[in-house]
Structures are given as C-alpha cells and as structure tokens.
C-alpha atoms as a PDB file:
ATOM      1  CA  UNK A   1      -9.145  11.790 -10.592  1.00  0.00           C
ATOM      2  CA  UNK A   2      -8.680  15.295  -9.093  1.00  0.00           C
ATOM      3  CA  UNK A   3     -10.771  17.151 -11.743  1.00  0.00           C
ATOM      4  CA  UNK A   4      -7.823  19.483 -12.248  1.00  0.00           C
ATOM      5  CA  UNK A   5      -8.334  21.208  -8.977  1.00  0.00           C
ATOM      6  CA  UNK A   6      -4.837  21.652  -7.585  1.00  0.00           C
ATOM      7  CA  UNK A   7      -5.899  23.915  -4.721  1.00  0.00           C
ATOM      8  CA  UNK A   8      -8.420  21.404  -3.388  1.00  0.00           C
ATOM      9  CA  UNK A   9      -6.076  18.474  -3.796  1.00  0.00           C
ATOM     10  CA  UNK A  10      -3.116  20.311  -2.105  1.00  0.00           C
ATOM     11  CA  UNK A  11      -5.217  20.659   1.062  1.00  0.00           C
ATOM     12  CA  UNK A  12      -4.751  16.858   1.622  1.00  0.00           C
ATOM     13  CA  UNK A  13      -1.096  16.735   0.811  1.00  0.00           C
ATOM     14  CA  UNK A  14       0.173  16.559   4.402  1.00  0.00           C
ATOM     15  CA  UNK A  15      -2.314  13.905   5.397  1.00  0.00           C
ATOM     16  CA  UNK A  16      -1.613  11.697   2.372  1.00  0.00           C
ATOM     17  CA  UNK A  17       2.152  11.761   3.033  1.00  0.00           C
ATOM     18  CA  UNK A  18       1.990  11.363   6.714  1.00  0.00           C
ATOM     19  CA  UNK A  19      -0.162   8.209   6.352  1.00  0.00           C
ATOM     20  CA  UNK A  20       2.156   6.756   3.622  1.00  0.00           C
ATOM     21  CA  UNK A  21       5.143   7.439   5.975  1.00  0.00           C
ATOM     22  CA  UNK A  22       3.405   5.557   8.776  1.00  0.00           C
ATOM     23  CA  UNK A  23       3.190   2.481   6.497  1.00  0.00           C
ATOM     24  CA  UNK A  24       6.614   3.003   5.052  1.00  0.00           C
ATOM     25  CA  UNK A  25       8.059   2.645   8.625  1.00  0.00           C
ATOM     26  CA  UNK A  26       6.484  -0.901   8.584  1.00  0.00           C
ATOM     27  CA  UNK A  27       8.133  -2.232   5.511  1.00  0.00           C
ATOM     28  CA  UNK A  28      10.291  -5.283   6.230  1.00  0.00           C
ATOM     29  CA  UNK A  29      13.529  -6.192   4.693  1.00  0.00           C
ATOM     30  CA  UNK A  30      11.770  -8.308   2.146  1.00  0.00           C
ATOM     31  CA  UNK A  31       9.766  -5.239   0.899  1.00  0.00           C
ATOM     32  CA  UNK A  32       6.455  -6.389   2.330  1.00  0.00           C
ATOM     33  CA  UNK A  33       4.450  -4.705   5.068  1.00  0.00           C
ATOM     34  CA  UNK A  34       4.986  -5.937   8.553  1.00  0.00           C
ATOM     35  CA  UNK A  35       2.266  -6.610  11.082  1.00  0.00           C
ATOM     36  CA  UNK A  36      -0.647  -4.227  11.174  1.00  0.00           C
ATOM     37  CA  UNK A  37      -1.189  -2.735  14.639  1.00  0.00           C
ATOM     38  CA  UNK A  38      -4.869  -2.752  14.684  1.00  0.00           C
ATOM     39  CA  UNK A  39      -7.622  -5.043  13.460  1.00  0.00           C
ATOM     40  CA  UNK A  40      -6.321  -5.832   9.922  1.00  0.00           C
ATOM     41  CA  UNK A  41      -9.707  -6.097   8.252  1.00  0.00           C
ATOM     42  CA  UNK A  42      -9.908  -6.608   4.511  1.00  0.00           C
ATOM     43  CA  UNK A  43     -13.236  -8.216   3.535  1.00  0.00           C
ATOM     44  CA  UNK A  44     -15.960 -10.466   4.955  1.00  0.00           C
ATOM     45  CA  UNK A  45     -15.565 -13.246   2.390  1.00  0.00           C
ATOM     46  CA  UNK A  46     -15.750 -16.859   3.352  1.00  0.00           C
ATOM     47  CA  UNK A  47     -12.008 -17.485   2.932  1.00  0.00           C
ATOM     48  CA  UNK A  48     -10.888 -14.804   5.435  1.00  0.00           C
ATOM     49  CA  UNK A  49     -11.270 -15.529   9.203  1.00  0.00           C
ATOM     50  CA  UNK A  50     -12.654 -12.290  10.859  1.00  0.00           C
ATOM     51  CA  UNK A  51     -12.055 -10.552   7.586  1.00  0.00           C
ATOM     52  CA  UNK A  52      -8.278 -10.773   7.864  1.00  0.00           C
ATOM     53  CA  UNK A  53      -6.037 -11.832   4.899  1.00  0.00           C
ATOM     54  CA  UNK A  54      -3.139 -14.166   5.509  1.00  0.00           C
ATOM     55  CA  UNK A  55      -0.117 -12.470   7.046  1.00  0.00           C
ATOM     56  CA  UNK A  56      -1.997  -9.441   8.299  1.00  0.00           C
ATOM     57  CA  UNK A  57      -1.220  -9.894  11.977  1.00  0.00           C
ATOM     58  CA  UNK A  58       2.126 -11.560  11.442  1.00  0.00           C
ATOM     59  CA  UNK A  59       3.361  -9.414   8.603  1.00  0.00           C
ATOM     60  CA  UNK A  60       4.139 -10.188   4.879  1.00  0.00           C
ATOM     61  CA  UNK A  61       0.527  -9.773   3.795  1.00  0.00           C
ATOM     62  CA  UNK A  62       0.388  -9.730  -0.019  1.00  0.00           C
ATOM     63  CA  UNK A  63      -3.015  -8.139   0.262  1.00  0.00           C
ATOM     64  CA  UNK A  64      -1.912  -5.093   2.353  1.00  0.00           C
ATOM     65  CA  UNK A  65       1.394  -4.857   0.520  1.00  0.00           C
ATOM     66  CA  UNK A  66      -0.273  -4.583  -2.825  1.00  0.00           C
ATOM     67  CA  UNK A  67      -2.698  -1.956  -1.580  1.00  0.00           C
ATOM     68  CA  UNK A  68       0.255   0.018  -0.345  1.00  0.00           C
ATOM     69  CA  UNK A  69       1.956  -0.311  -3.700  1.00  0.00           C
ATOM     70  CA  UNK A  70      -1.175   0.827  -5.393  1.00  0.00           C
ATOM     71  CA  UNK A  71      -1.500   3.772  -3.085  1.00  0.00           C
ATOM     72  CA  UNK A  72       2.080   4.752  -3.666  1.00  0.00           C
ATOM     73  CA  UNK A  73       1.541   4.938  -7.435  1.00  0.00           C
ATOM     74  CA  UNK A  74      -1.460   7.216  -6.904  1.00  0.00           C
ATOM     75  CA  UNK A  75       0.260   9.332  -4.446  1.00  0.00           C
ATOM     76  CA  UNK A  76       3.191   9.722  -6.845  1.00  0.00           C
ATOM     77  CA  UNK A  77       0.679  10.928  -9.498  1.00  0.00           C
ATOM     78  CA  UNK A  78      -0.850  13.448  -7.045  1.00  0.00           C
ATOM     79  CA  UNK A  79       2.537  14.714  -6.091  1.00  0.00           C
ATOM     80  CA  UNK A  80       3.487  15.207  -9.712  1.00  0.00           C
ATOM     81  CA  UNK A  81       0.200  16.999 -10.379  1.00  0.00           C
ATOM     82  CA  UNK A  82       1.017  19.317  -7.498  1.00  0.00           C
ATOM     83  CA  UNK A  83       4.401  20.013  -9.087  1.00  0.00           C
ATOM     84  CA  UNK A  84       6.385  18.431  -6.314  1.00  0.00           C
ATOM     85  CA  UNK A  85       9.665  16.727  -6.874  1.00  0.00           C
ATOM     86  CA  UNK A  86       9.694  12.926  -6.167  1.00  0.00           C
ATOM     87  CA  UNK A  87      12.672  11.642  -4.245  1.00  0.00           C
ATOM     88  CA  UNK A  88      14.549   8.587  -5.634  1.00  0.00           C
ATOM     89  CA  UNK A  89      13.111   6.524  -2.917  1.00  0.00           C
ATOM     90  CA  UNK A  90       9.539   7.496  -3.740  1.00  0.00           C
ATOM     91  CA  UNK A  91      10.114   6.853  -7.446  1.00  0.00           C
ATOM     92  CA  UNK A  92      11.461   3.383  -6.668  1.00  0.00           C
ATOM     93  CA  UNK A  93       8.669   2.447  -4.322  1.00  0.00           C
ATOM     94  CA  UNK A  94       5.950   3.712  -6.633  1.00  0.00           C
ATOM     95  CA  UNK A  95       7.492   1.739  -9.540  1.00  0.00           C
ATOM     96  CA  UNK A  96       7.648  -1.624  -7.788  1.00  0.00           C
ATOM     97  CA  UNK A  97       5.791  -4.288  -9.620  1.00  0.00           C
ATOM     98  CA  UNK A  98       3.278  -6.560  -7.910  1.00  0.00           C
ATOM     99  CA  UNK A  99       5.464  -9.571  -8.828  1.00  0.00           C
ATOM    100  CA  UNK A 100       8.033  -8.335  -6.236  1.00  0.00           C
ATOM    101  CA  UNK A 101       5.390  -8.739  -3.478  1.00  0.00           C
ATOM    102  CA  UNK A 102       4.236 -12.123  -4.678  1.00  0.00           C
ATOM    103  CA  UNK A 103       7.869 -13.362  -4.908  1.00  0.00           C
ATOM    104  CA  UNK A 104       8.452 -12.286  -1.286  1.00  0.00           C
ATOM    105  CA  UNK A 105       5.131 -13.432   0.193  1.00  0.00           C
ATOM    106  CA  UNK A 106       5.222 -16.685   2.133  1.00  0.00           C
ATOM    107  CA  UNK A 107       1.354 -16.945   1.829  1.00  0.00           C
ATOM    108  CA  UNK A 108       1.094 -17.955  -1.824  1.00  0.00           C
ATOM    109  CA  UNK A 109      -1.627 -20.493  -1.674  1.00  0.00           C
ATOM    110  CA  UNK A 110      -4.291 -19.809  -4.311  1.00  0.00           C
ATOM    111  CA  UNK A 111      -7.597 -18.387  -3.234  1.00  0.00           C
ATOM    112  CA  UNK A 112     -10.679 -18.742  -5.385  1.00  0.00           C
ATOM    113  CA  UNK A 113     -11.981 -15.573  -7.140  1.00  0.00           C
ATOM    114  CA  UNK A 114     -15.069 -14.349  -5.294  1.00  0.00           C
END
C-alpha cells in the first residue's frame, strides 16, 4: 500500500488523523456517523436521489459509517507502519465489525446490487 516508504507516508500523518478526528466528533451514541454537513454524495446510481445514501443528511448512514470503519482500519495500519502507538480507543474503533453498523442502522431496506 505504501511501497515501504515511511518518509513519504509520514508527510500525510497529520492530515490523515485530523480528518479522522473531524469524523470521530460526529459519531452518535449508537456508533454511526451523524449528519454530514455538506452534500453527502455517494454515487449517481438510480436508487440514490441526488447521489445521497439513506441517512446521509439525517445521520445513521450505514454507507458513510462503513466507509469510516474501513478508513479507520487502514489508518491503524498506517499508524503501525509508522511505528506509532495506537490508543485503546483507536484500536477499538478500528476493530469494529460491519455488523455493528448494520445492527444500529435504521435504514436496513435491501438495495439491489448495481
């Protein structure tokens, strides 16, 4: 993923974690992301009005919560490669399974695969 270039990757360290912290402040009590403050675009597929997944504006979007969980896992890997110590909170968040998000998501209607 980083081609073993720690020096190059370390230049993005502050940016990665400041963006993750911005999202982390928007996590609700149920563990899902709250409302997105800007256009919550995901994809121009026929099932999404204006490209917005269910819950994007109101909060509790499985789509954005799962993207955040995936990003946390990759950020944890980057942090480990850069020999940084992960906090207990970071380890817990990076280890959350997608089932946690689906169990908390009020928008569980099935969508066809595209």
